[in-house]
Every structure is written in structure tokens, then in C-alpha cells.
Amino acid sequence: GRHRISFDEVVEVMKKTGVPNGLKALGFGIQDIEDFVAGTLPQHRVTKLSPRPVSAEDLTRLFMETMTIW
């Protein structure tokens, strides 16, 4: 059968390959989220790929949740 990759497996690969642990590890903070949202909303080539419409609130939550991954 087909193996589904778990979140823990993805994190393990990220750790082994040295992927930074989220936006915070890249030097960004909560104070940057407003700018991230403002910069993302007009990028229709990115937002149109979403399976549903994306609001500023959705993006704010997404960026908050990706400050750290694990």
C-alpha cells in the first residue's frame, strides 16, 4: 500500500537536513506578521493556488503558527 508521511517524519527530515525551525529561527517575529500579510495578499499567483479564498485573518494565523514548527 501507499505510505502516508506523518508530521513527525517530516520534522525529522527537516531536522536532519538543517531546515530552520520556523520563521522565528530566521530572525522574524510577531512584529513582522502584519507586513507578511500585506505583502502576501496582492500576490494572486500565490493566493489563487489555495483551495479556498484566503483572508488577512487566515494569513495572520498561518504566519503565527509557522513562527516555530516543532
PDB file of N, CA and C in Angstrom:
ATOM      1  N   GLY A   1       0.811  -1.182   0.000  1.00  0.00           N
ATOM      2  CA  GLY A   1       0.000   0.000   0.000  1.00  0.00           C
ATOM      3  C   GLY A   1       0.861   1.256   0.000  1.00  0.00           C
ATOM      4  N   ARG A   2       0.195   2.332  -0.111  1.00  0.00           N
ATOM      5  CA  ARG A   2       0.849   3.631  -0.166  1.00  0.00           C
ATOM      6  C   ARG A   2       1.085   4.148   1.256  1.00  0.00           C
ATOM      7  N   HIS A   3       2.305   4.566   1.541  1.00  0.00           N
ATOM      8  CA  HIS A   3       2.661   5.075   2.870  1.00  0.00           C
ATOM      9  C   HIS A   3       2.368   6.558   2.949  1.00  0.00           C
ATOM     10  N   ARG A   4       1.623   6.950   3.964  1.00  0.00           N
ATOM     11  CA  ARG A   4       1.357   8.370   4.211  1.00  0.00           C
ATOM     12  C   ARG A   4       2.429   8.886   5.148  1.00  0.00           C
ATOM     13  N   ILE A   5       3.011   9.990   4.816  1.00  0.00           N
ATOM     14  CA  ILE A   5       4.072  10.581   5.632  1.00  0.00           C
ATOM     15  C   ILE A   5       3.444  11.363   6.774  1.00  0.00           C
ATOM     16  N   SER A   6       3.917  11.110   7.981  1.00  0.00           N
ATOM     17  CA  SER A   6       3.382  11.804   9.150  1.00  0.00           C
ATOM     18  C   SER A   6       4.119  13.126   9.379  1.00  0.00           C
ATOM     19  N   PHE A   7       3.510  13.978  10.191  1.00  0.00           N
ATOM     20  CA  PHE A   7       4.131  15.244  10.578  1.00  0.00           C
ATOM     21  C   PHE A   7       5.486  14.979  11.229  1.00  0.00           C
ATOM     22  N   ASP A   8       5.542  14.002  12.124  1.00  0.00           N
ATOM     23  CA  ASP A   8       6.788  13.683  12.823  1.00  0.00           C
ATOM     24  C   ASP A   8       7.890  13.264  11.855  1.00  0.00           C
ATOM     25  N   GLU A   9       7.531  12.538  10.811  1.00  0.00           N
ATOM     26  CA  GLU A   9       8.514  12.129   9.814  1.00  0.00           C
ATOM     27  C   GLU A   9       9.045  13.333   9.038  1.00  0.00           C
ATOM     28  N   VAL A  10       8.175  14.255   8.711  1.00  0.00           N
ATOM     29  CA  VAL A  10       8.588  15.469   8.000  1.00  0.00           C
ATOM     30  C   VAL A  10       9.521  16.283   8.886  1.00  0.00           C
ATOM     31  N   VAL A  11       9.161  16.439  10.160  1.00  0.00           N
ATOM     32  CA  VAL A  11      10.003  17.187  11.094  1.00  0.00           C
ATOM     33  C   VAL A  11      11.367  16.524  11.228  1.00  0.00           C
ATOM     34  N   GLU A  12      11.398  15.215  11.297  1.00  0.00           N
ATOM     35  CA  GLU A  12      12.675  14.504  11.415  1.00  0.00           C
ATOM     36  C   GLU A  12      13.578  14.794  10.218  1.00  0.00           C
ATOM     37  N   VAL A  13      13.016  14.789   9.020  1.00  0.00           N
ATOM     38  CA  VAL A  13      13.789  15.114   7.816  1.00  0.00           C
ATOM     39  C   VAL A  13      14.260  16.562   7.874  1.00  0.00           C
ATOM     40  N   MET A  14      13.393  17.457   8.306  1.00  0.00           N
ATOM     41  CA  MET A  14      13.760  18.868   8.415  1.00  0.00           C
ATOM     42  C   MET A  14      14.930  19.047   9.372  1.00  0.00           C
ATOM     43  N   LYS A  15      14.876  18.375  10.512  1.00  0.00           N
ATOM     44  CA  LYS A  15      15.951  18.469  11.496  1.00  0.00           C
ATOM     45  C   LYS A  15      17.251  17.906  10.940  1.00  0.00           C
ATOM     46  N   LYS A  16      17.179  16.741  10.315  1.00  0.00           N
ATOM     47  CA  LYS A  16      18.379  16.084   9.775  1.00  0.00           C
ATOM     48  C   LYS A  16      19.037  16.902   8.669  1.00  0.00           C
ATOM     49  N   THR A  17      18.240  17.640   7.931  1.00  0.00           N
ATOM     50  CA  THR A  17      18.781  18.419   6.811  1.00  0.00           C
ATOM     51  C   THR A  17      19.068  19.873   7.182  1.00  0.00           C
ATOM     52  N   GLY A  18      18.823  20.229   8.441  1.00  0.00           N
ATOM     53  CA  GLY A  18      19.163  21.563   8.907  1.00  0.00           C
ATOM     54  C   GLY A  18      18.195  22.663   8.537  1.00  0.00           C
ATOM     55  N   VAL A  19      16.949  22.311   8.242  1.00  0.00           N
ATOM     56  CA  VAL A  19      15.949  23.327   7.931  1.00  0.00           C
ATOM     57  C   VAL A  19      15.663  24.119   9.204  1.00  0.00           C
ATOM     58  N   PRO A  20      15.672  25.446   9.145  1.00  0.00           N
ATOM     59  CA  PRO A  20      15.393  26.254  10.334  1.00  0.00           C
ATOM     60  C   PRO A  20      14.004  25.948  10.909  1.00  0.00           C
ATOM     61  N   ASN A  21      13.885  26.046  12.220  1.00  0.00           N
ATOM     62  CA  ASN A  21      12.636  25.758  12.912  1.00  0.00           C
ATOM     63  C   ASN A  21      11.684  26.955  12.847  1.00  0.00           C
ATOM     64  N   GLY A  22      11.174  27.234  11.687  1.00  0.00           N
ATOM     65  CA  GLY A  22      10.163  28.267  11.513  1.00  0.00           C
ATOM     66  C   GLY A  22      10.717  29.662  11.272  1.00  0.00           C
ATOM     67  N   LEU A  23       9.796  30.595  11.153  1.00  0.00           N
ATOM     68  CA  LEU A  23      10.147  31.982  10.847  1.00  0.00           C
ATOM     69  C   LEU A  23      10.995  32.619  11.944  1.00  0.00           C
ATOM     70  N   LYS A  24      10.728  32.257  13.197  1.00  0.00           N
ATOM     71  CA  LYS A  24      11.487  32.814  14.315  1.00  0.00           C
ATOM     72  C   LYS A  24      12.969  32.475  14.186  1.00  0.00           C
ATOM     73  N   ALA A  25      13.275  31.254  13.761  1.00  0.00           N
ATOM     74  CA  ALA A  25      14.668  30.835  13.592  1.00  0.00           C
ATOM     75  C   ALA A  25      15.360  31.599  12.470  1.00  0.00           C
ATOM     76  N   LEU A  26      14.577  32.202  11.598  1.00  0.00           N
ATOM     77  CA  LEU A  26      15.122  33.001  10.503  1.00  0.00           C
ATOM     78  C   LEU A  26      15.266  34.474  10.883  1.00  0.00           C
ATOM     79  N   GLY A  27      14.914  34.785  12.144  1.00  0.00           N
ATOM     80  CA  GLY A  27      15.073  36.147  12.630  1.00  0.00           C
ATOM     81  C   GLY A  27      13.814  37.002  12.574  1.00  0.00           C
ATOM     82  N   PHE A  28      12.693  36.412  12.207  1.00  0.00           N
ATOM     83  CA  PHE A  28      11.438  37.158  12.147  1.00  0.00           C
ATOM     84  C   PHE A  28      10.686  37.010  13.464  1.00  0.00           C
ATOM     85  N   GLY A  29       9.781  37.944  13.725  1.00  0.00           N
ATOM     86  CA  GLY A  29       8.983  37.906  14.944  1.00  0.00           C
ATOM     87  C   GLY A  29       7.562  38.324  14.682  1.00  0.00           C
ATOM     88  N   ILE A  30       6.798  38.326  15.754  1.00  0.00           N
ATOM     89  CA  ILE A  30       5.380  38.702  15.678  1.00  0.00           C
ATOM     90  C   ILE A  30       5.214  40.072  15.022  1.00  0.00           C
ATOM     91  N   GLN A  31       6.155  40.960  15.267  1.00  0.00           N
ATOM     92  CA  GLN A  31       6.065  42.322  14.716  1.00  0.00           C
ATOM     93  C   GLN A  31       6.135  42.328  13.182  1.00  0.00           C
ATOM     94  N   ASP A  32       6.587  41.247  12.573  1.00  0.00           N
ATOM     95  CA  ASP A  32       6.707  41.174  11.111  1.00  0.00           C
ATOM     96  C   ASP A  32       5.452  40.653  10.423  1.00  0.00           C
ATOM     97  N   ILE A  33       4.546  40.074  11.176  1.00  0.00           N
ATOM     98  CA  ILE A  33       3.389  39.399  10.575  1.00  0.00           C
ATOM     99  C   ILE A  33       2.517  40.348   9.768  1.00  0.00           C
ATOM    100  N   GLU A  34       2.261  41.533  10.258  1.00  0.00           N
ATOM    101  CA  GLU A  34       1.426  42.488   9.516  1.00  0.00           C
ATOM    102  C   GLU A  34       2.020  42.762   8.132  1.00  0.00           C
ATOM    103  N   ASP A  35       3.332  42.933   8.068  1.00  0.00           N
ATOM    104  CA  ASP A  35       4.000  43.166   6.775  1.00  0.00           C
ATOM    105  C   ASP A  35       3.917  41.924   5.885  1.00  0.00           C
ATOM    106  N   PHE A  36       4.058  40.728   6.480  1.00  0.00           N
ATOM    107  CA  PHE A  36       3.936  39.492   5.696  1.00  0.00           C
ATOM    108  C   PHE A  36       2.561  39.400   5.057  1.00  0.00           C
ATOM    109  N   VAL A  37       1.529  39.674   5.844  1.00  0.00           N
ATOM    110  CA  VAL A  37       0.153  39.598   5.340  1.00  0.00           C
ATOM    111  C   VAL A  37      -0.058  40.630   4.233  1.00  0.00           C
ATOM    112  N   ALA A  38       0.371  41.863   4.483  1.00  0.00           N
ATOM    113  CA  ALA A  38       0.205  42.929   3.485  1.00  0.00           C
ATOM    114  C   ALA A  38       0.953  42.592   2.197  1.00  0.00           C
ATOM    115  N   GLY A  39       2.080  41.922   2.309  1.00  0.00           N
ATOM    116  CA  GLY A  39       2.854  41.552   1.126  1.00  0.00           C
ATOM    117  C   GLY A  39       2.315  40.339   0.400  1.00  0.00           C
ATOM    118  N   THR A  40       1.596  39.485   1.116  1.00  0.00           N
ATOM    119  CA  THR A  40       1.076  38.256   0.513  1.00  0.00           C
ATOM    120  C   THR A  40      -0.251  38.473  -0.192  1.00  0.00           C
ATOM    121  N   LEU A  41      -1.140  39.249   0.387  1.00  0.00           N
ATOM    122  CA  LEU A  41      -2.485  39.416  -0.179  1.00  0.00           C
ATOM    123  C   LEU A  41      -2.499  39.814  -1.652  1.00  0.00           C
ATOM    124  N   PRO A  42      -1.652  40.736  -2.111  1.00  0.00           N
ATOM    125  CA  PRO A  42      -1.708  41.101  -3.530  1.00  0.00           C
ATOM    126  C   PRO A  42      -1.038  40.093  -4.471  1.00  0.00           C
ATOM    127  N   GLN A  43      -0.421  39.064  -3.945  1.00  0.00           N
ATOM    128  CA  GLN A  43       0.285  38.088  -4.784  1.00  0.00           C
ATOM    129  C   GLN A  43      -0.685  37.008  -5.250  1.00  0.00           C
ATOM    130  N   HIS A  44      -1.506  37.345  -6.216  1.00  0.00           N
ATOM    131  CA  HIS A  44      -2.556  36.439  -6.681  1.00  0.00           C
ATOM    132  C   HIS A  44      -2.002  35.144  -7.259  1.00  0.00           C
ATOM    133  N   ARG A  45      -0.796  35.178  -7.782  1.00  0.00           N
ATOM    134  CA  ARG A  45      -0.224  33.933  -8.308  1.00  0.00           C
ATOM    135  C   ARG A  45       0.010  32.928  -7.189  1.00  0.00           C
ATOM    136  N   VAL A  46       0.135  33.408  -5.958  1.00  0.00           N
ATOM    137  CA  VAL A  46       0.302  32.549  -4.789  1.00  0.00           C
ATOM    138  C   VAL A  46      -1.051  32.237  -4.158  1.00  0.00           C
ATOM    139  N   THR A  47      -1.851  33.263  -3.896  1.00  0.00           N
ATOM    140  CA  THR A  47      -3.104  33.057  -3.179  1.00  0.00           C
ATOM    141  C   THR A  47      -4.144  32.309  -4.006  1.00  0.00           C
ATOM    142  N   LYS A  48      -4.079  32.394  -5.319  1.00  0.00           N
ATOM    143  CA  LYS A  48      -5.048  31.685  -6.162  1.00  0.00           C
ATOM    144  C   LYS A  48      -4.819  30.173  -6.143  1.00  0.00           C
ATOM    145  N   LEU A  49      -3.658  29.726  -5.660  1.00  0.00           N
ATOM    146  CA  LEU A  49      -3.381  28.292  -5.559  1.00  0.00           C
ATOM    147  C   LEU A  49      -4.081  27.659  -4.359  1.00  0.00           C
ATOM    148  N   SER A  50      -4.579  28.485  -3.464  1.00  0.00           N
ATOM    149  CA  SER A  50      -5.277  27.981  -2.282  1.00  0.00           C
ATOM    150  C   SER A  50      -6.586  27.311  -2.700  1.00  0.00           C
ATOM    151  N   PRO A  51      -6.937  26.197  -2.051  1.00  0.00           N
ATOM    152  CA  PRO A  51      -8.199  25.525  -2.399  1.00  0.00           C
ATOM    153  C   PRO A  51      -9.439  26.308  -1.967  1.00  0.00           C
ATOM    154  N   ARG A  52      -9.254  27.386  -1.190  1.00  0.00           N
ATOM    155  CA  ARG A  52     -10.368  28.246  -0.791  1.00  0.00           C
ATOM    156  C   ARG A  52      -9.855  29.678  -0.711  1.00  0.00           C
ATOM    157  N   PRO A  53     -10.756  30.652  -0.723  1.00  0.00           N
ATOM    158  CA  PRO A  53     -10.318  32.048  -0.614  1.00  0.00           C
ATOM    159  C   PRO A  53      -9.502  32.274   0.663  1.00  0.00           C
ATOM    160  N   VAL A  54      -8.516  33.146   0.579  1.00  0.00           N
ATOM    161  CA  VAL A  54      -7.629  33.431   1.708  1.00  0.00           C
ATOM    162  C   VAL A  54      -7.860  34.862   2.179  1.00  0.00           C
ATOM    163  N   SER A  55      -8.113  35.001   3.477  1.00  0.00           N
ATOM    164  CA  SER A  55      -8.322  36.329   4.056  1.00  0.00           C
ATOM    165  C   SER A  55      -7.075  36.763   4.821  1.00  0.00           C
ATOM    166  N   ALA A  56      -7.049  38.021   5.208  1.00  0.00           N
ATOM    167  CA  ALA A  56      -5.957  38.535   6.030  1.00  0.00           C
ATOM    168  C   ALA A  56      -5.896  37.769   7.350  1.00  0.00           C
ATOM    169  N   GLU A  57      -7.040  37.424   7.897  1.00  0.00           N
ATOM    170  CA  GLU A  57      -7.083  36.660   9.152  1.00  0.00           C
ATOM    171  C   GLU A  57      -6.468  35.275   8.965  1.00  0.00           C
ATOM    172  N   ASP A  58      -6.770  34.632   7.835  1.00  0.00           N
ATOM    173  CA  ASP A  58      -6.186  33.314   7.538  1.00  0.00           C
ATOM    174  C   ASP A  58      -4.667  33.405   7.478  1.00  0.00           C
ATOM    175  N   LEU A  59      -4.179  34.414   6.765  1.00  0.00           N
ATOM    176  CA  LEU A  59      -2.731  34.570   6.624  1.00  0.00           C
ATOM    177  C   LEU A  59      -2.070  34.901   7.950  1.00  0.00           C
ATOM    178  N   THR A  60      -2.718  35.734   8.748  1.00  0.00           N
ATOM    179  CA  THR A  60      -2.176  36.065  10.065  1.00  0.00           C
ATOM    180  C   THR A  60      -2.021  34.797  10.896  1.00  0.00           C
ATOM    181  N   ARG A  61      -3.039  33.969  10.915  1.00  0.00           N
ATOM    182  CA  ARG A  61      -2.986  32.712  11.655  1.00  0.00           C
ATOM    183  C   ARG A  61      -1.884  31.802  11.108  1.00  0.00           C
ATOM    184  N   LEU A  62      -1.782  31.714   9.790  1.00  0.00           N
ATOM    185  CA  LEU A  62      -0.742  30.888   9.166  1.00  0.00           C
ATOM    186  C   LEU A  62       0.648  31.337   9.595  1.00  0.00           C
ATOM    187  N   PHE A  63       0.919  32.629   9.522  1.00  0.00           N
ATOM    188  CA  PHE A  63       2.235  33.128   9.901  1.00  0.00           C
ATOM    189  C   PHE A  63       2.494  32.962  11.400  1.00  0.00           C
ATOM    190  N   MET A  64       1.472  33.148  12.220  1.00  0.00           N
ATOM    191  CA  MET A  64       1.616  32.929  13.676  1.00  0.00           C
ATOM    192  C   MET A  64       2.000  31.477  13.950  1.00  0.00           C
ATOM    193  N   GLU A  65       1.314  30.562  13.268  1.00  0.00           N
ATOM    194  CA  GLU A  65       1.539  29.136  13.506  1.00  0.00           C
ATOM    195  C   GLU A  65       2.880  28.646  12.949  1.00  0.00           C
ATOM    196  N   THR A  66       3.493  29.412  12.058  1.00  0.00           N
ATOM    197  CA  THR A  66       4.773  28.983  11.489  1.00  0.00           C
ATOM    198  C   THR A  66       5.965  29.734  12.079  1.00  0.00           C
ATOM    199  N   MET A  67       5.731  30.463  13.173  1.00  0.00           N
ATOM    200  CA  MET A  67       6.878  31.070  13.879  1.00  0.00           C
ATOM    201  C   MET A  67       7.824  29.967  14.334  1.00  0.00           C
ATOM    202  N   THR A  68       7.268  28.861  14.825  1.00  0.00           N
ATOM    203  CA  THR A  68       8.065  27.662  15.131  1.00  0.00           C
ATOM    204  C   THR A  68       7.283  26.456  14.608  1.00  0.00           C
ATOM    205  N   ILE A  69       8.012  25.459  14.144  1.00  0.00           N
ATOM    206  CA  ILE A  69       7.389  24.280  13.561  1.00  0.00           C
ATOM    207  C   ILE A  69       7.312  23.134  14.574  1.00  0.00           C
ATOM    208  N   TRP A  70       8.372  22.953  15.307  1.00  0.00           N
ATOM    209  CA  TRP A  70       8.398  21.876  16.301  1.00  0.00           C
ATOM    210  C   TRP A  70       8.835  22.356  17.652  1.00  0.00           C
TER     211      TRP A  70
END
